[in-house]
PDB file of N, CA and C in Angstrom:
ATOM      1  N   MET A   1     158.106  96.432  64.747  1.00  0.00           N
ATOM      2  CA  MET A   1     158.043  97.751  65.183  1.00  0.00           C
ATOM      3  C   MET A   1     157.137  98.855  63.338  1.00  0.00           C
ATOM      4  N   ALA A   2     156.262  98.938  63.398  1.00  0.00           N
ATOM      5  CA  ALA A   2     155.687  99.234  62.430  1.00  0.00           C
ATOM      6  C   ALA A   2     156.333 101.160  61.977  1.00  0.00           C
ATOM      7  N   GLY A   3     156.677 101.113  61.011  1.00  0.00           N
ATOM      8  CA  GLY A   3     157.171 102.636  59.781  1.00  0.00           C
ATOM      9  C   GLY A   3     158.467 102.567  60.702  1.00  0.00           C
ATOM     10  N   GLY A   4     159.443 101.462  60.763  1.00  0.00           N
ATOM     11  CA  GLY A   4     160.975 101.845  60.989  1.00  0.00           C
ATOM     12  C   GLY A   4     161.511 101.931  59.847  1.00  0.00           C
ATOM     13  N   ILE A   5     162.605 102.104  59.769  1.00  0.00           N
ATOM     14  CA  ILE A   5     163.671 101.962  58.738  1.00  0.00           C
ATOM     15  C   ILE A   5     164.527 100.891  58.812  1.00  0.00           C
ATOM     16  N   VAL A   6     164.973  99.789  57.463  1.00  0.00           N
ATOM     17  CA  VAL A   6     165.127  99.241  57.148  1.00  0.00           C
ATOM     18  C   VAL A   6     166.203  99.511  56.126  1.00  0.00           C
ATOM     19  N   ALA A   7     167.639  98.583  56.415  1.00  0.00           N
ATOM     20  CA  ALA A   7     168.974  98.834  55.964  1.00  0.00           C
ATOM     21  C   ALA A   7     169.317  97.501  55.424  1.00  0.00           C
ATOM     22  N   PHE A   8     169.398  97.105  54.537  1.00  0.00           N
ATOM     23  CA  PHE A   8     170.021  95.864  53.705  1.00  0.00           C
ATOM     24  C   PHE A   8     171.331  95.716  53.367  1.00  0.00           C
ATOM     25  N   PHE A   9     172.170  95.284  53.789  1.00  0.00           N
ATOM     26  CA  PHE A   9     173.746  95.495  53.439  1.00  0.00           C
ATOM     27  C   PHE A   9     174.145  93.665  53.153  1.00  0.00           C
ATOM     28  N   SER A  10     175.100  93.541  52.632  1.00  0.00           N
ATOM     29  CA  SER A  10     175.659  92.129  52.371  1.00  0.00           C
ATOM     30  C   SER A  10     176.964  92.258  52.353  1.00  0.00           C
ATOM     31  N   LEU A  11     177.971  91.448  52.588  1.00  0.00           N
ATOM     32  CA  LEU A  11     179.590  91.290  52.028  1.00  0.00           C
ATOM     33  C   LEU A  11     179.809  90.371  51.052  1.00  0.00           C
ATOM     34  N   GLU A  12     178.919  89.611  51.278  1.00  0.00           N
ATOM     35  CA  GLU A  12     178.761  88.315  49.840  1.00  0.00           C
ATOM     36  C   GLU A  12     177.859  88.486  48.823  1.00  0.00           C
ATOM     37  N   MET A  13     177.287  89.936  48.621  1.00  0.00           N
ATOM     38  CA  MET A  13     176.482  89.948  47.675  1.00  0.00           C
ATOM     39  C   MET A  13     176.676  91.438  47.209  1.00  0.00           C
ATOM     40  N   SER A  14     176.262  91.461  45.908  1.00  0.00           N
ATOM     41  CA  SER A  14     176.422  93.045  45.048  1.00  0.00           C
ATOM     42  C   SER A  14     175.094  93.602  45.181  1.00  0.00           C
ATOM     43  N   SER A  15     175.273  94.872  44.975  1.00  0.00           N
ATOM     44  CA  SER A  15     173.912  95.589  45.632  1.00  0.00           C
ATOM     45  C   SER A  15     172.771  95.270  44.260  1.00  0.00           C
ATOM     46  N   GLU A  16     173.201  94.741  43.102  1.00  0.00           N
ATOM     47  CA  GLU A  16     172.435  94.520  41.838  1.00  0.00           C
ATOM     48  C   GLU A  16     172.222  92.571  42.205  1.00  0.00           C
ATOM     49  N   GLN A  17     172.755  91.835  42.889  1.00  0.00           N
ATOM     50  CA  GLN A  17     172.176  90.764  43.749  1.00  0.00           C
ATOM     51  C   GLN A  17     171.533  91.019  44.272  1.00  0.00           C
ATOM     52  N   LEU A  18     171.543  91.999  45.485  1.00  0.00           N
ATOM     53  CA  LEU A  18     170.449  92.506  46.467  1.00  0.00           C
ATOM     54  C   LEU A  18     169.203  92.439  46.286  1.00  0.00           C
ATOM     55  N   ALA A  19     169.097  93.342  45.019  1.00  0.00           N
ATOM     56  CA  ALA A  19     168.090  94.191  44.568  1.00  0.00           C
ATOM     57  C   ALA A  19     167.237  92.876  43.793  1.00  0.00           C
ATOM     58  N   ALA A  20     167.793  92.117  43.183  1.00  0.00           N
ATOM     59  CA  ALA A  20     167.190  90.961  42.472  1.00  0.00           C
ATOM     60  C   ALA A  20     166.305  89.977  43.497  1.00  0.00           C
ATOM     61  N   ARG A  21     167.353  89.973  44.278  1.00  0.00           N
ATOM     62  CA  ARG A  21     166.273  89.139  45.495  1.00  0.00           C
ATOM     63  C   ARG A  21     165.483  89.716  46.345  1.00  0.00           C
ATOM     64  N   VAL A  22     165.097  91.110  46.301  1.00  0.00           N
ATOM     65  CA  VAL A  22     164.151  91.675  46.936  1.00  0.00           C
ATOM     66  C   VAL A  22     163.152  91.776  45.966  1.00  0.00           C
ATOM     67  N   ILE A  23     163.232  92.049  44.230  1.00  0.00           N
ATOM     68  CA  ILE A  23     162.411  91.931  43.674  1.00  0.00           C
ATOM     69  C   ILE A  23     162.085  90.379  43.069  1.00  0.00           C
ATOM     70  N   SER A  24     162.573  89.762  43.472  1.00  0.00           N
ATOM     71  CA  SER A  24     162.081  88.150  43.470  1.00  0.00           C
ATOM     72  C   SER A  24     161.036  88.059  44.481  1.00  0.00           C
ATOM     73  N   GLU A  25     161.497  88.418  45.899  1.00  0.00           N
ATOM     74  CA  GLU A  25     160.614  88.165  47.172  1.00  0.00           C
ATOM     75  C   GLU A  25     159.124  88.954  47.238  1.00  0.00           C
ATOM     76  N   GLN A  26     159.280  90.247  46.309  1.00  0.00           N
ATOM     77  CA  GLN A  26     158.045  90.863  46.424  1.00  0.00           C
ATOM     78  C   GLN A  26     156.856  90.602  44.853  1.00  0.00           C
ATOM     79  N   THR A  27     157.926  89.800  43.716  1.00  0.00           N
ATOM     80  CA  THR A  27     157.171  89.939  43.032  1.00  0.00           C
ATOM     81  C   THR A  27     156.687  88.238  42.547  1.00  0.00           C
ATOM     82  N   GLU A  28     157.426  87.247  43.527  1.00  0.00           N
ATOM     83  CA  GLU A  28     157.532  86.031  43.195  1.00  0.00           C
ATOM     84  C   GLU A  28     157.914  85.192  41.972  1.00  0.00           C
ATOM     85  N   ILE A  29     158.839  85.883  41.474  1.00  0.00           N
ATOM     86  CA  ILE A  29     159.321  85.637  40.269  1.00  0.00           C
ATOM     87  C   ILE A  29     160.805  84.809  40.513  1.00  0.00           C
ATOM     88  N   PRO A  30     161.159  83.815  40.125  1.00  0.00           N
ATOM     89  CA  PRO A  30     162.424  83.213  40.496  1.00  0.00           C
ATOM     90  C   PRO A  30     163.286  84.196  40.104  1.00  0.00           C
ATOM     91  N   SER A  31     164.148  84.405  41.387  1.00  0.00           N
ATOM     92  CA  SER A  31     165.785  84.719  41.425  1.00  0.00           C
ATOM     93  C   SER A  31     166.301  84.586  40.140  1.00  0.00           C
ATOM     94  N   TYR A  32     166.545  83.323  39.807  1.00  0.00           N
ATOM     95  CA  TYR A  32     167.468  82.876  38.624  1.00  0.00           C
ATOM     96  C   TYR A  32     166.841  83.279  37.453  1.00  0.00           C
ATOM     97  N   ASP A  33     165.605  83.383  37.174  1.00  0.00           N
ATOM     98  CA  ASP A  33     165.225  84.153  35.912  1.00  0.00           C
ATOM     99  C   ASP A  33     165.475  85.683  36.123  1.00  0.00           C
ATOM    100  N   ILE A  34     165.319  86.160  37.326  1.00  0.00           N
ATOM    101  CA  ILE A  34     165.612  87.539  37.044  1.00  0.00           C
ATOM    102  C   ILE A  34     166.939  88.037  36.690  1.00  0.00           C
ATOM    103  N   ARG A  35     168.015  86.987  37.332  1.00  0.00           N
ATOM    104  CA  ARG A  35     169.295  87.502  37.165  1.00  0.00           C
ATOM    105  C   ARG A  35     169.956  87.010  35.892  1.00  0.00           C
ATOM    106  N   ARG A  36     169.386  85.958  35.298  1.00  0.00           N
ATOM    107  CA  ARG A  36     169.575  85.675  33.850  1.00  0.00           C
ATOM    108  C   ARG A  36     168.657  86.557  32.656  1.00  0.00           C
ATOM    109  N   GLY A  37     167.891  87.058  33.106  1.00  0.00           N
ATOM    110  CA  GLY A  37     166.777  88.114  32.383  1.00  0.00           C
ATOM    111  C   GLY A  37     165.575  87.049  31.536  1.00  0.00           C
ATOM    112  N   ASP A  38     165.473  85.759  31.908  1.00  0.00           N
ATOM    113  CA  ASP A  38     164.697  85.373  31.362  1.00  0.00           C
ATOM    114  C   ASP A  38     163.322  85.170  31.685  1.00  0.00           C
ATOM    115  N   ILE A  39     162.823  86.646  31.443  1.00  0.00           N
ATOM    116  CA  ILE A  39     161.384  86.922  31.565  1.00  0.00           C
ATOM    117  C   ILE A  39     160.559  87.221  30.733  1.00  0.00           C
ATOM    118  N   ASP A  40     159.664  86.838  30.097  1.00  0.00           N
ATOM    119  CA  ASP A  40     158.563  87.242  29.212  1.00  0.00           C
ATOM    120  C   ASP A  40     157.555  88.570  29.459  1.00  0.00           C
ATOM    121  N   GLU A  41     157.127  89.565  28.424  1.00  0.00           N
ATOM    122  CA  GLU A  41     156.779  90.700  29.166  1.00  0.00           C
ATOM    123  C   GLU A  41     155.493  90.542  29.727  1.00  0.00           C
ATOM    124  N   THR A  42     154.554  89.528  30.004  1.00  0.00           N
ATOM    125  CA  THR A  42     153.875  89.593  30.724  1.00  0.00           C
ATOM    126  C   THR A  42     154.516  89.297  32.452  1.00  0.00           C
ATOM    127  N   THR A  43     155.426  88.516  32.462  1.00  0.00           N
ATOM    128  CA  THR A  43     156.062  88.681  33.673  1.00  0.00           C
ATOM    129  C   THR A  43     157.008  89.718  34.192  1.00  0.00           C
ATOM    130  N   PHE A  44     157.470  90.428  32.797  1.00  0.00           N
ATOM    131  CA  PHE A  44     158.017  91.753  33.136  1.00  0.00           C
ATOM    132  C   PHE A  44     157.099  92.599  33.737  1.00  0.00           C
ATOM    133  N   GLY A  45     155.914  92.817  33.577  1.00  0.00           N
ATOM    134  CA  GLY A  45     155.032  93.419  34.104  1.00  0.00           C
ATOM    135  C   GLY A  45     154.599  93.878  35.615  1.00  0.00           C
ATOM    136  N   LYS A  46     154.944  92.159  36.175  1.00  0.00           N
ATOM    137  CA  LYS A  46     154.686  92.378  37.564  1.00  0.00           C
ATOM    138  C   LYS A  46     155.988  93.115  38.110  1.00  0.00           C
ATOM    139  N   VAL A  47     157.353  92.829  37.548  1.00  0.00           N
ATOM    140  CA  VAL A  47     158.267  93.868  38.206  1.00  0.00           C
ATOM    141  C   VAL A  47     157.971  95.617  38.086  1.00  0.00           C
ATOM    142  N   ARG A  48     157.062  95.727  37.249  1.00  0.00           N
ATOM    143  CA  ARG A  48     157.126  97.344  36.756  1.00  0.00           C
ATOM    144  C   ARG A  48     156.047  97.860  37.925  1.00  0.00           C
ATOM    145  N   LEU A  49     155.230  96.800  38.544  1.00  0.00           N
ATOM    146  CA  LEU A  49     154.222  97.523  38.716  1.00  0.00           C
ATOM    147  C   LEU A  49     154.044  96.991  40.263  1.00  0.00           C
ATOM    148  N   PRO A  50     154.176  98.461  40.789  1.00  0.00           N
ATOM    149  CA  PRO A  50     153.764  98.819  42.714  1.00  0.00           C
ATOM    150  C   PRO A  50     153.206  97.409  43.446  1.00  0.00           C
ATOM    151  N   PRO A  51     154.246  96.720  44.499  1.00  0.00           N
ATOM    152  CA  PRO A  51     153.475  96.046  45.034  1.00  0.00           C
ATOM    153  C   PRO A  51     151.982  96.250  45.862  1.00  0.00           C
ATOM    154  N   GLU A  52     151.018  95.739  46.001  1.00  0.00           N
ATOM    155  CA  GLU A  52     150.347  95.811  46.501  1.00  0.00           C
ATOM    156  C   GLU A  52     149.855  96.129  47.971  1.00  0.00           C
ATOM    157  N   ASN A  53     151.243  95.576  48.790  1.00  0.00           N
ATOM    158  CA  ASN A  53     151.588  95.989  50.199  1.00  0.00           C
ATOM    159  C   ASN A  53     152.861  96.186  50.397  1.00  0.00           C
ATOM    160  N   PRO A  54     152.952  97.663  50.047  1.00  0.00           N
ATOM    161  CA  PRO A  54     154.471  97.909  49.749  1.00  0.00           C
ATOM    162  C   PRO A  54     154.758  97.915  51.660  1.00  0.00           C
ATOM    163  N   PRO A  55     156.318  97.690  51.790  1.00  0.00           N
ATOM    164  CA  PRO A  55     156.801  97.852  52.823  1.00  0.00           C
ATOM    165  C   PRO A  55     156.575  99.211  53.453  1.00  0.00           C
ATOM    166  N   ALA A  56     156.566  99.131  55.073  1.00  0.00           N
ATOM    167  CA  ALA A  56     156.299 100.573  55.454  1.00  0.00           C
ATOM    168  C   ALA A  56     157.222 101.147  56.024  1.00  0.00           C
ATOM    169  N   GLY A  57     158.176 102.181  55.739  1.00  0.00           N
ATOM    170  CA  GLY A  57     159.031 102.899  56.353  1.00  0.00           C
ATOM    171  C   GLY A  57     160.128 103.051  55.083  1.00  0.00           C
ATOM    172  N   ALA A  58     161.353 103.701  55.474  1.00  0.00           N
ATOM    173  CA  ALA A  58     162.339 103.626  54.152  1.00  0.00           C
ATOM    174  C   ALA A  58     162.963 102.530  54.296  1.00  0.00           C
ATOM    175  N   THR A  59     163.653 102.543  53.143  1.00  0.00           N
ATOM    176  CA  THR A  59     164.462 101.103  52.653  1.00  0.00           C
ATOM    177  C   THR A  59     165.871 101.769  52.382  1.00  0.00           C
ATOM    178  N   TYR A  60     166.961 101.428  53.156  1.00  0.00           N
ATOM    179  CA  TYR A  60     168.036 101.493  52.583  1.00  0.00           C
ATOM    180  C   TYR A  60     169.175 100.977  52.175  1.00  0.00           C
TER     181      TYR A  60
END
């Protein structure tokens, strides 16, 4: 369904863990590296740039 609204929730993961997982998926940076803060400046630049194909609709 194009333009739909998406909600992420988990009873097992904190909001920080969910955010790291989404960032990892969008940037192709291993979530383990994101959680540990083990990323260099070049890799961090991938996190700050908006995705080339942003998801349609709102995400909550």
